[in-house]
N, C-alpha and C. Protein backbone atom coordinates (compact mmCIF):
# COMPACT_ATOMS: atom_id res chain seq x y z
N MET A 1 19.72 -6.02 17.13
CA MET A 1 19.10 -6.32 15.86
C MET A 1 19.07 -5.03 15.05
N ASP A 2 19.51 -5.12 13.78
CA ASP A 2 19.54 -3.89 12.99
C ASP A 2 18.15 -3.48 12.52
N ILE A 3 18.04 -2.27 12.08
CA ILE A 3 16.75 -1.67 11.77
C ILE A 3 16.03 -2.37 10.60
N CYS A 4 16.77 -2.82 9.60
CA CYS A 4 16.14 -3.53 8.47
C CYS A 4 15.54 -4.85 8.93
N ARG A 5 16.25 -5.54 9.79
CA ARG A 5 15.77 -6.83 10.30
C ARG A 5 14.49 -6.63 11.13
N VAL A 6 14.48 -5.61 11.96
CA VAL A 6 13.30 -5.30 12.77
C VAL A 6 12.11 -5.00 11.85
N PHE A 7 12.35 -4.19 10.83
CA PHE A 7 11.28 -3.83 9.90
C PHE A 7 10.68 -5.07 9.24
N ILE A 8 11.51 -5.91 8.67
CA ILE A 8 11.02 -7.10 7.96
C ILE A 8 10.34 -8.06 8.93
N LYS A 9 10.93 -8.27 10.10
CA LYS A 9 10.34 -9.16 11.10
C LYS A 9 8.93 -8.70 11.47
N ASN A 10 8.79 -7.41 11.73
CA ASN A 10 7.49 -6.86 12.10
C ASN A 10 6.51 -6.89 10.93
N LEU A 11 7.00 -6.62 9.73
CA LEU A 11 6.16 -6.70 8.54
C LEU A 11 5.58 -8.10 8.39
N LEU A 12 6.44 -9.10 8.49
CA LEU A 12 5.99 -10.49 8.34
C LEU A 12 4.98 -10.88 9.41
N LYS A 13 5.18 -10.41 10.61
CA LYS A 13 4.22 -10.71 11.68
C LYS A 13 2.86 -10.11 11.38
N ILE A 14 2.85 -8.89 10.91
CA ILE A 14 1.58 -8.24 10.58
C ILE A 14 0.91 -8.96 9.41
N VAL A 15 1.67 -9.27 8.40
CA VAL A 15 1.13 -9.98 7.24
C VAL A 15 0.47 -11.28 7.68
N ARG A 16 1.17 -12.05 8.48
CA ARG A 16 0.63 -13.34 8.94
C ARG A 16 -0.58 -13.17 9.86
N SER A 17 -0.51 -12.20 10.75
CA SER A 17 -1.61 -12.00 11.70
C SER A 17 -2.90 -11.57 11.00
N ARG A 18 -2.76 -10.97 9.84
CA ARG A 18 -3.93 -10.51 9.10
C ARG A 18 -4.37 -11.51 8.03
N GLY A 19 -3.68 -12.63 7.98
CA GLY A 19 -4.05 -13.65 7.01
C GLY A 19 -3.71 -13.28 5.57
N LEU A 20 -2.76 -12.39 5.41
CA LEU A 20 -2.34 -11.97 4.08
C LEU A 20 -1.24 -12.90 3.56
N ARG A 21 -0.96 -12.81 2.28
CA ARG A 21 0.11 -13.61 1.70
C ARG A 21 1.24 -12.69 1.27
N VAL A 22 2.47 -13.10 1.58
CA VAL A 22 3.64 -12.29 1.24
C VAL A 22 3.70 -12.06 -0.26
N GLY A 23 3.40 -13.09 -1.04
CA GLY A 23 3.42 -12.95 -2.50
C GLY A 23 2.47 -11.88 -3.00
N ASP A 24 1.32 -11.77 -2.37
CA ASP A 24 0.36 -10.73 -2.76
C ASP A 24 0.89 -9.34 -2.42
N ILE A 25 1.56 -9.24 -1.29
CA ILE A 25 2.16 -7.96 -0.88
C ILE A 25 3.24 -7.56 -1.88
N GLU A 26 4.10 -8.53 -2.24
CA GLU A 26 5.17 -8.25 -3.20
C GLU A 26 4.59 -7.82 -4.54
N LYS A 27 3.55 -8.50 -4.98
CA LYS A 27 2.94 -8.16 -6.27
C LYS A 27 2.38 -6.74 -6.25
N GLU A 28 1.66 -6.41 -5.18
CA GLU A 28 1.08 -5.07 -5.07
C GLU A 28 2.16 -3.99 -5.02
N ALA A 29 3.32 -4.33 -4.46
CA ALA A 29 4.42 -3.38 -4.35
C ALA A 29 5.34 -3.39 -5.58
N ASP A 30 4.96 -4.17 -6.60
CA ASP A 30 5.77 -4.31 -7.83
C ASP A 30 7.17 -4.84 -7.52
N MET A 31 7.23 -5.84 -6.65
CA MET A 31 8.49 -6.47 -6.28
C MET A 31 8.54 -7.87 -6.89
N SER A 32 9.73 -8.36 -7.11
CA SER A 32 9.85 -9.71 -7.66
C SER A 32 9.42 -10.73 -6.61
N PRO A 33 8.88 -11.87 -7.06
CA PRO A 33 8.49 -12.92 -6.11
C PRO A 33 9.68 -13.34 -5.25
N GLY A 34 9.46 -13.47 -3.97
CA GLY A 34 10.50 -13.89 -3.04
C GLY A 34 11.37 -12.77 -2.51
N TYR A 35 11.10 -11.53 -2.94
CA TYR A 35 11.93 -10.40 -2.52
C TYR A 35 11.94 -10.23 -1.01
N ILE A 36 10.77 -10.27 -0.39
CA ILE A 36 10.70 -10.07 1.06
C ILE A 36 11.39 -11.21 1.80
N SER A 37 11.23 -12.42 1.32
CA SER A 37 11.91 -13.56 1.94
C SER A 37 13.42 -13.43 1.83
N ARG A 38 13.87 -12.96 0.67
CA ARG A 38 15.32 -12.76 0.50
C ARG A 38 15.83 -11.68 1.45
N LEU A 39 15.06 -10.62 1.62
CA LEU A 39 15.46 -9.58 2.58
C LEU A 39 15.54 -10.16 3.98
N ASN A 40 14.58 -10.98 4.32
CA ASN A 40 14.55 -11.58 5.65
C ASN A 40 15.76 -12.48 5.89
N ARG A 41 16.12 -13.25 4.90
CA ARG A 41 17.25 -14.18 5.05
C ARG A 41 18.60 -13.48 4.98
N SER A 42 18.72 -12.50 4.08
CA SER A 42 20.03 -11.90 3.82
C SER A 42 20.36 -10.72 4.71
N ASN A 43 19.33 -10.12 5.29
CA ASN A 43 19.54 -8.94 6.13
C ASN A 43 20.09 -7.76 5.33
N ASN A 44 19.80 -7.72 4.02
CA ASN A 44 20.24 -6.60 3.19
C ASN A 44 19.40 -5.36 3.48
N ALA A 45 19.99 -4.23 3.20
CA ALA A 45 19.27 -2.97 3.35
C ALA A 45 18.33 -2.77 2.17
N PHE A 46 17.34 -1.92 2.35
CA PHE A 46 16.41 -1.60 1.27
C PHE A 46 16.10 -0.11 1.37
N SER A 47 15.50 0.41 0.33
CA SER A 47 15.27 1.86 0.25
C SER A 47 14.11 2.30 1.14
N LEU A 48 14.10 3.58 1.41
CA LEU A 48 13.00 4.18 2.15
C LEU A 48 11.72 4.07 1.33
N GLU A 49 11.84 4.16 0.02
CA GLU A 49 10.67 4.00 -0.86
C GLU A 49 10.05 2.61 -0.68
N THR A 50 10.89 1.59 -0.59
CA THR A 50 10.40 0.22 -0.37
C THR A 50 9.70 0.12 0.97
N ALA A 51 10.29 0.70 2.00
CA ALA A 51 9.68 0.69 3.33
C ALA A 51 8.33 1.39 3.30
N TYR A 52 8.25 2.50 2.60
CA TYR A 52 7.00 3.27 2.50
C TYR A 52 5.93 2.45 1.78
N LYS A 53 6.29 1.83 0.65
CA LYS A 53 5.33 1.01 -0.10
C LYS A 53 4.77 -0.11 0.77
N LEU A 54 5.68 -0.84 1.41
CA LEU A 54 5.26 -1.99 2.21
C LEU A 54 4.38 -1.57 3.39
N SER A 55 4.75 -0.51 4.04
CA SER A 55 3.95 -0.07 5.19
C SER A 55 2.56 0.37 4.75
N ASN A 56 2.46 1.04 3.62
CA ASN A 56 1.15 1.47 3.11
C ASN A 56 0.29 0.27 2.73
N ILE A 57 0.88 -0.73 2.13
CA ILE A 57 0.12 -1.89 1.69
C ILE A 57 -0.49 -2.63 2.88
N VAL A 58 0.26 -2.77 3.97
CA VAL A 58 -0.27 -3.48 5.14
C VAL A 58 -1.03 -2.54 6.08
N GLY A 59 -1.05 -1.26 5.77
CA GLY A 59 -1.86 -0.32 6.53
C GLY A 59 -1.31 0.11 7.87
N VAL A 60 0.00 0.20 7.96
CA VAL A 60 0.63 0.71 9.18
C VAL A 60 1.67 1.75 8.79
N THR A 61 2.15 2.47 9.77
CA THR A 61 3.19 3.46 9.49
C THR A 61 4.56 2.80 9.54
N ILE A 62 5.52 3.45 8.93
CA ILE A 62 6.90 2.93 8.95
C ILE A 62 7.39 2.81 10.38
N ASP A 63 7.10 3.81 11.21
CA ASP A 63 7.59 3.75 12.59
C ASP A 63 7.01 2.56 13.35
N GLU A 64 5.79 2.14 13.01
CA GLU A 64 5.23 0.95 13.65
C GLU A 64 6.02 -0.30 13.26
N LEU A 65 6.49 -0.34 12.01
CA LEU A 65 7.27 -1.50 11.57
C LEU A 65 8.70 -1.46 12.12
N LEU A 66 9.13 -0.29 12.53
CA LEU A 66 10.47 -0.17 13.12
C LEU A 66 10.45 -0.32 14.63
N ASP A 67 9.28 -0.37 15.19
CA ASP A 67 9.08 -0.43 16.64
C ASP A 67 9.36 -1.83 17.16
N THR A 68 10.31 -1.95 18.05
CA THR A 68 10.60 -3.25 18.64
C THR A 68 9.49 -3.70 19.57
N GLU A 69 8.65 -2.76 20.00
CA GLU A 69 7.50 -3.09 20.83
C GLU A 69 6.33 -3.62 20.02
N SER A 70 6.45 -3.54 18.70
CA SER A 70 5.33 -3.95 17.86
C SER A 70 5.06 -5.45 17.95
N GLU A 71 6.02 -6.19 18.47
CA GLU A 71 5.78 -7.62 18.67
C GLU A 71 4.55 -7.83 19.56
N LEU A 72 4.42 -7.01 20.58
CA LEU A 72 3.25 -7.09 21.45
C LEU A 72 1.98 -6.72 20.70
N LYS A 73 2.06 -5.69 19.87
CA LYS A 73 0.91 -5.29 19.08
C LYS A 73 0.51 -6.41 18.12
N ASN A 74 1.51 -7.03 17.50
CA ASN A 74 1.23 -8.11 16.55
C ASN A 74 0.61 -9.31 17.26
N ARG A 75 1.09 -9.59 18.44
CA ARG A 75 0.51 -10.70 19.21
C ARG A 75 -0.94 -10.41 19.55
N LYS A 76 -1.21 -9.16 19.88
CA LYS A 76 -2.58 -8.75 20.17
C LYS A 76 -3.47 -8.96 18.94
N LEU A 77 -2.98 -8.57 17.76
CA LEU A 77 -3.75 -8.77 16.53
C LEU A 77 -4.04 -10.24 16.29
N THR A 78 -3.05 -11.08 16.53
CA THR A 78 -3.22 -12.51 16.34
C THR A 78 -4.27 -13.05 17.31
N LEU A 79 -4.17 -12.66 18.55
CA LEU A 79 -5.14 -13.13 19.56
C LEU A 79 -6.55 -12.63 19.25
N GLU A 80 -6.67 -11.40 18.77
CA GLU A 80 -7.98 -10.87 18.41
C GLU A 80 -8.58 -11.67 17.26
N LYS A 81 -7.74 -12.03 16.30
CA LYS A 81 -8.21 -12.83 15.17
C LYS A 81 -8.65 -14.21 15.64
N GLU A 82 -7.86 -14.83 16.49
CA GLU A 82 -8.21 -16.15 17.02
C GLU A 82 -9.50 -16.07 17.83
N LEU A 83 -9.66 -15.03 18.62
CA LEU A 83 -10.88 -14.86 19.42
C LEU A 83 -12.10 -14.71 18.52
N ALA A 84 -11.97 -13.93 17.45
CA ALA A 84 -13.08 -13.74 16.52
C ALA A 84 -13.47 -15.07 15.86
N GLU A 85 -12.48 -15.89 15.53
CA GLU A 85 -12.76 -17.20 14.93
C GLU A 85 -13.48 -18.11 15.92
N ILE A 86 -13.05 -18.08 17.17
CA ILE A 86 -13.70 -18.90 18.21
C ILE A 86 -15.13 -18.43 18.43
N GLN A 87 -15.32 -17.12 18.47
CA GLN A 87 -16.67 -16.58 18.67
C GLN A 87 -17.58 -16.97 17.50
N GLU A 88 -17.05 -16.95 16.30
CA GLU A 88 -17.83 -17.34 15.13
C GLU A 88 -18.24 -18.82 15.23
N LYS A 89 -17.32 -19.66 15.65
CA LYS A 89 -17.64 -21.09 15.82
C LYS A 89 -18.69 -21.28 16.90
N LEU A 90 -18.57 -20.55 17.99
CA LEU A 90 -19.56 -20.66 19.06
C LEU A 90 -20.94 -20.19 18.60
N ASN A 91 -20.97 -19.14 17.80
CA ASN A 91 -22.25 -18.65 17.27
C ASN A 91 -22.90 -19.71 16.37
N LYS A 92 -22.09 -20.40 15.60
CA LYS A 92 -22.62 -21.46 14.73
C LYS A 92 -23.19 -22.61 15.56
N ILE A 93 -22.51 -22.93 16.66
CA ILE A 93 -22.99 -24.00 17.54
C ILE A 93 -24.29 -23.58 18.19
N ASP A 94 -24.39 -22.33 18.64
CA ASP A 94 -25.61 -21.83 19.28
C ASP A 94 -26.79 -21.83 18.31
N MET A 95 -26.53 -21.62 17.04
CA MET A 95 -27.59 -21.58 16.04
C MET A 95 -28.09 -22.98 15.68
N SER A 96 -27.32 -23.99 16.02
CA SER A 96 -27.70 -25.36 15.67
C SER A 96 -28.80 -25.90 16.55
């Protein structure tokens, strides 16, 4: 898998795991709507400046988005979010 594909794949996983919207990320980065999706589908290269903007917006480093091991990190984030939601539901039940 090439480096651009790894970057976008990991970016999308982080965005989803944090409950963010791709469109909001694109807007904050001054990108046209659908830009990230087009990168994901086309496998086109993008600038280092774009990588830097995107990584800053989601709050991770570029190397984390290039890390093929980040899939495990992203899964952990998703599970932590799901656990927090379950705990919140249980707390509501206990309060009833």
